[in-house]
Amino acid sequence: MKYTIFDLDGTVIDSSHRSMFDPITGKTNLEFWRENSTRAKIMKDSLMPLAKVWHKIIPKAGKRIVICTARVLTHIDYEFLRTKGLFADAIFSRPEGDMTADADLKISQIMPFLAAQKDVDSVKFWDDNVSVRSAFTREGIQTLNPEIINGKQEW
């Protein structure tokens, strides 16, 4: 079985209209993000070009799609994914209140999941965060930068 893992924000979903970054650290202002995670604003998120790759994988036998995002998912996020046809075989997200660094969070979720699968032929992980890609590369997972398909993003 071939597994393709997708991050969401900055990878397949453009949610930049709800984001603010600290100009010094480059980190997301989480308070601003939470305040702007209303139903109306989430539904204004848009799909990035990489979503077309996702849509092509869905109907293929022998392929599985996994979501691994550092955001806390709400019922509104699941509704957005459904309305955009972004279906997945497994979904991993940040538990409410968890402040683990993105790379550590995703490694702790995905590696045990993959180890439990008996039929893994290959794994590809799409993520816009270089620290996440580095962490998964160290674990022997093929990582891909979404800029290959999405083009250079100005955040």
Foldseek 3Di string as FASTA:
>chain_A
DEEEEEEEDPQFKPLVVQWDADPPPRDTPVVSNVVQPDLVSLLPIDTFQCVVVQVVQVVDPPYFYEYAYAADDDVSNVVSCVVVVRDGPYYHYHDPPDPDPRLVRRCVPPVVVVVPDPDYPAYEYEDQDPVNCVSVVVVVHHYDYSCVRRPDDDD
